[in-house]
């Protein structure tokens, strides 16, 4: 198994990406609309979408709130172009880059969302992101996370061990961002969000390995 840089991985899989996500991920046809349904729906609200990709979640959100102002961040310019072509008449601010590095601002967003994107990072990296994300939300704003999780501590540990071994074997620097799944357990994810300072963190839905989490600033 050869490791691929994150952005290149998704760019090469743009064709058929939406169909693959909805067809091959258990529960996707339910958790995408469920995640979108939890976002604020008042006109002009500001939404941050981390790892927005082609905007599958926005296909369910914009019919509810066509006047929302959405900032989307993604590594792949090809994905961002596909998203823009879907919604040419919507208020979109699309930013190419890593949400681990780009500024998220301070108290700018009424809501934030990330769907099937954050299962590639270590707890330390996620904690830093969640602290920045909390600061980016307005008072009372909240973050919706739909992602897949490890079944237990042993599986979580095995994912990270395998990634370290692959990087060592392929001589990939430890801090290089590659596409390899390292999901945490639900319990560890909730603990990180609480440690980052979110006042209320709860699971609102489960679909096999995927859970839907709402974290209120």
Protein backbone atom coordinates (compact mmCIF):
# COMPACT_ATOMS: atom_id res chain seq x y z
CA UNK A 1 0.00 0.00 0.00
CA UNK A 2 1.58 3.29 -1.15
CA UNK A 3 0.80 6.41 0.82
CA UNK A 4 -0.53 9.37 -1.19
CA UNK A 5 -0.46 13.08 -0.32
CA UNK A 6 -3.90 14.10 0.90
CA UNK A 7 -4.75 16.67 -1.76
CA UNK A 8 -3.55 14.49 -4.63
CA UNK A 9 -5.55 11.53 -3.34
CA UNK A 10 -8.85 13.39 -3.60
CA UNK A 11 -8.02 15.19 -6.84
CA UNK A 12 -7.46 11.83 -8.56
CA UNK A 13 -10.81 10.56 -7.32
CA UNK A 14 -12.99 13.51 -8.28
CA UNK A 15 -14.84 11.67 -11.02
CA UNK A 16 -17.55 9.62 -9.37
CA UNK A 17 -16.65 10.92 -5.91
CA UNK A 18 -20.18 11.92 -4.90
CA UNK A 19 -21.64 8.63 -6.07
CA UNK A 20 -18.95 6.68 -4.22
CA UNK A 21 -19.56 8.51 -0.94
CA UNK A 22 -23.32 8.02 -1.02
CA UNK A 23 -23.19 4.45 -2.30
CA UNK A 24 -20.27 2.89 -0.47
CA UNK A 25 -20.27 4.46 2.99
CA UNK A 26 -22.80 2.86 5.31
CA UNK A 27 -25.51 5.31 6.33
CA UNK A 28 -24.28 8.15 4.10
CA UNK A 29 -27.68 8.75 2.52
CA UNK A 30 -28.97 9.40 6.03
CA UNK A 31 -26.11 11.13 7.83
CA UNK A 32 -25.42 13.76 5.15
CA UNK A 33 -28.95 15.21 5.36
CA UNK A 34 -29.00 14.69 9.14
CA UNK A 35 -25.82 16.73 9.54
CA UNK A 36 -27.12 19.49 7.27
CA UNK A 37 -30.39 19.60 9.18
CA UNK A 38 -28.55 20.54 12.39
CA UNK A 39 -26.95 23.69 10.95
CA UNK A 40 -28.43 27.13 11.65
CA UNK A 41 -31.13 28.02 9.15
CA UNK A 42 -31.71 31.76 9.53
CA UNK A 43 -31.02 33.90 6.43
CA UNK A 44 -27.50 35.27 6.15
CA UNK A 45 -25.99 33.04 8.82
CA UNK A 46 -22.31 32.26 8.40
CA UNK A 47 -21.22 28.65 8.10
CA UNK A 48 -17.70 27.18 8.02
CA UNK A 49 -17.26 23.87 6.18
CA UNK A 50 -13.99 22.08 6.98
CA UNK A 51 -12.89 19.70 4.23
CA UNK A 52 -15.87 20.74 2.13
CA UNK A 53 -14.86 18.67 -0.91
CA UNK A 54 -17.58 18.77 -3.56
CA UNK A 55 -20.14 20.04 -1.06
CA UNK A 56 -22.32 16.98 -0.60
CA UNK A 57 -23.60 18.25 2.73
CA UNK A 58 -24.44 21.60 1.10
CA UNK A 59 -26.72 19.86 -1.38
CA UNK A 60 -28.95 19.14 1.62
CA UNK A 61 -28.32 22.46 3.39
CA UNK A 62 -28.91 25.09 0.70
CA UNK A 63 -32.50 23.98 0.00
CA UNK A 64 -33.20 24.74 3.69
CA UNK A 65 -31.23 27.98 3.76
CA UNK A 66 -30.39 29.38 0.33
CA UNK A 67 -29.30 32.69 1.85
CA UNK A 68 -26.56 31.19 4.04
CA UNK A 69 -23.01 32.48 3.62
CA UNK A 70 -20.66 29.49 3.47
CA UNK A 71 -16.88 29.46 3.79
CA UNK A 72 -15.45 26.18 2.51
CA UNK A 73 -11.88 25.00 3.02
CA UNK A 74 -10.34 22.12 1.08
CA UNK A 75 -6.91 21.00 -0.13
CA UNK A 76 -8.11 20.12 -3.64
CA UNK A 77 -8.74 22.91 -6.17
CA UNK A 78 -10.53 20.35 -8.34
CA UNK A 79 -12.98 19.59 -5.54
CA UNK A 80 -13.56 23.29 -4.90
CA UNK A 81 -14.25 23.92 -8.58
CA UNK A 82 -16.79 21.09 -8.61
CA UNK A 83 -18.47 22.60 -5.54
CA UNK A 84 -18.66 26.06 -7.11
CA UNK A 85 -20.16 24.66 -10.30
CA UNK A 86 -22.96 23.06 -8.25
CA UNK A 87 -23.94 26.33 -6.57
CA UNK A 88 -23.14 29.21 -8.93
CA UNK A 89 -25.76 31.47 -7.33
CA UNK A 90 -24.91 30.86 -3.67
CA UNK A 91 -22.79 32.99 -1.34
CA UNK A 92 -19.58 30.91 -1.26
CA UNK A 93 -16.10 31.84 -0.05
CA UNK A 94 -13.94 28.89 -1.11
CA UNK A 95 -10.41 28.67 0.22
CA UNK A 96 -7.79 26.24 -1.01
CA UNK A 97 -5.51 24.97 1.71
CA UNK A 98 -5.36 23.02 4.94
CA UNK A 99 -7.78 23.92 7.71
CA UNK A 100 -4.95 22.92 10.02
CA UNK A 101 -2.98 25.92 8.78
CA UNK A 102 -5.35 28.58 7.43
CA UNK A 103 -6.73 31.20 9.78
CA UNK A 104 -10.28 30.47 10.93
CA UNK A 105 -10.81 33.89 12.45
CA UNK A 106 -12.36 34.90 15.75
CA UNK A 107 -16.11 34.76 16.52
CA UNK A 108 -17.01 34.80 12.81
CA UNK A 109 -19.34 31.83 12.31
CA UNK A 110 -22.78 30.87 13.53
CA UNK A 111 -22.10 27.23 12.76
CA UNK A 112 -19.42 24.92 11.44
CA UNK A 113 -19.53 21.48 9.89
CA UNK A 114 -17.17 18.71 8.82
CA UNK A 115 -18.30 15.49 7.18
CA UNK A 116 -16.01 12.47 6.74
CA UNK A 117 -12.82 14.54 6.81
CA UNK A 118 -11.30 14.58 10.30
CA UNK A 119 -10.48 10.88 10.67
CA UNK A 120 -6.92 11.39 9.41
CA UNK A 121 -5.33 13.21 12.34
CA UNK A 122 -3.74 12.52 15.70
CA UNK A 123 -5.37 13.62 18.96
CA UNK A 124 -2.75 16.35 19.37
CA UNK A 125 -3.49 17.81 15.94
CA UNK A 126 -7.24 17.60 16.47
CA UNK A 127 -7.05 19.32 19.85
CA UNK A 128 -5.27 22.31 18.32
CA UNK A 129 -7.82 22.48 15.50
CA UNK A 130 -10.78 22.23 17.89
CA UNK A 131 -9.45 25.05 20.04
CA UNK A 132 -9.10 27.27 16.96
CA UNK A 133 -12.52 26.20 15.72
CA UNK A 134 -14.17 27.06 19.02
CA UNK A 135 -12.65 30.55 18.85
CA UNK A 136 -13.93 30.92 15.27
CA UNK A 137 -17.52 30.37 16.39
CA UNK A 138 -19.72 33.17 17.70
CA UNK A 139 -21.06 32.83 21.25
CA UNK A 140 -23.73 30.15 21.09
CA UNK A 141 -22.40 28.87 17.78
CA UNK A 142 -21.86 25.18 17.31
CA UNK A 143 -19.90 22.58 15.36
CA UNK A 144 -21.48 19.60 13.60
CA UNK A 145 -19.15 16.64 13.07
CA UNK A 146 -20.15 13.61 11.02
CA UNK A 147 -17.32 11.13 10.84
CA UNK A 148 -16.44 7.51 11.29
CA UNK A 149 -14.83 6.18 14.44
CA UNK A 150 -12.77 3.28 15.68
CA UNK A 151 -14.74 0.52 17.34
CA UNK A 152 -12.50 0.41 20.42
CA UNK A 153 -9.11 1.45 21.82
CA UNK A 154 -7.34 -1.54 20.27
CA UNK A 155 -8.53 -0.69 16.77
CA UNK A 156 -7.61 2.97 17.24
CA UNK A 157 -4.09 2.01 18.35
CA UNK A 158 -3.72 -0.40 15.43
CA UNK A 159 -4.55 2.32 12.88
CA UNK A 160 -1.85 4.64 14.21
CA UNK A 161 0.68 1.83 14.48
CA UNK A 162 0.09 0.85 10.86
CA UNK A 163 0.49 4.44 9.68
CA UNK A 164 3.80 4.81 11.53
CA UNK A 165 5.06 1.57 9.98
CA UNK A 166 4.03 2.60 6.47
CA UNK A 167 5.72 5.98 6.83
CA UNK A 168 8.88 4.32 8.08
CA UNK A 169 8.88 1.76 5.27
CA UNK A 170 8.21 4.34 2.56
CA UNK A 171 10.54 6.91 4.15
CA UNK A 172 7.78 9.51 4.48
CA UNK A 173 8.55 12.27 7.00
CA UNK A 174 6.44 11.96 10.14
CA UNK A 175 4.82 15.39 9.71
CA UNK A 176 3.79 14.81 6.06
CA UNK A 177 0.02 14.77 5.56
CA UNK A 178 -0.98 11.61 3.70
CA UNK A 179 -4.26 9.87 3.08
CA UNK A 180 -4.57 7.17 5.70
CA UNK A 181 -7.45 6.66 8.08
CA UNK A 182 -6.70 6.97 11.78
CA UNK A 183 -10.13 7.37 13.38
CA UNK A 184 -10.39 7.79 17.13
CA UNK A 185 -13.03 6.14 19.26
CA UNK A 186 -16.20 8.11 19.90
CA UNK A 187 -15.19 8.52 23.54
CA UNK A 188 -11.79 9.98 22.68
CA UNK A 189 -13.31 12.38 20.12
CA UNK A 190 -15.85 13.66 22.64
CA UNK A 191 -13.10 14.09 25.24
CA UNK A 192 -11.00 16.19 22.84
CA UNK A 193 -13.91 18.49 22.04
CA UNK A 194 -14.55 19.00 25.76
CA UNK A 195 -10.85 19.60 26.42
CA UNK A 196 -10.88 22.21 23.63
CA UNK A 197 -13.46 24.12 25.66
CA UNK A 198 -16.79 23.30 24.02
CA UNK A 199 -19.50 23.74 26.65
CA UNK A 200 -21.83 21.00 25.44
CA UNK A 201 -20.85 17.94 23.41
CA UNK A 202 -23.28 15.19 22.46
CA UNK A 203 -23.79 12.40 19.95
CA UNK A 204 -27.06 12.93 18.09
CA UNK A 205 -26.97 9.94 15.74
CA UNK A 206 -25.16 6.72 14.83
CA UNK A 207 -24.94 4.83 11.55
CA UNK A 208 -22.68 1.78 11.98
CA UNK A 209 -19.15 3.23 12.25
CA UNK A 210 -20.27 6.82 11.66
CA UNK A 211 -21.54 9.15 14.39
CA UNK A 212 -23.00 12.64 14.33
CA UNK A 213 -21.73 14.99 17.05
CA UNK A 214 -22.92 18.46 18.04
CA UNK A 215 -20.47 20.62 20.02
CA UNK A 216 -21.68 24.00 21.30
CA UNK A 217 -19.22 26.82 21.93
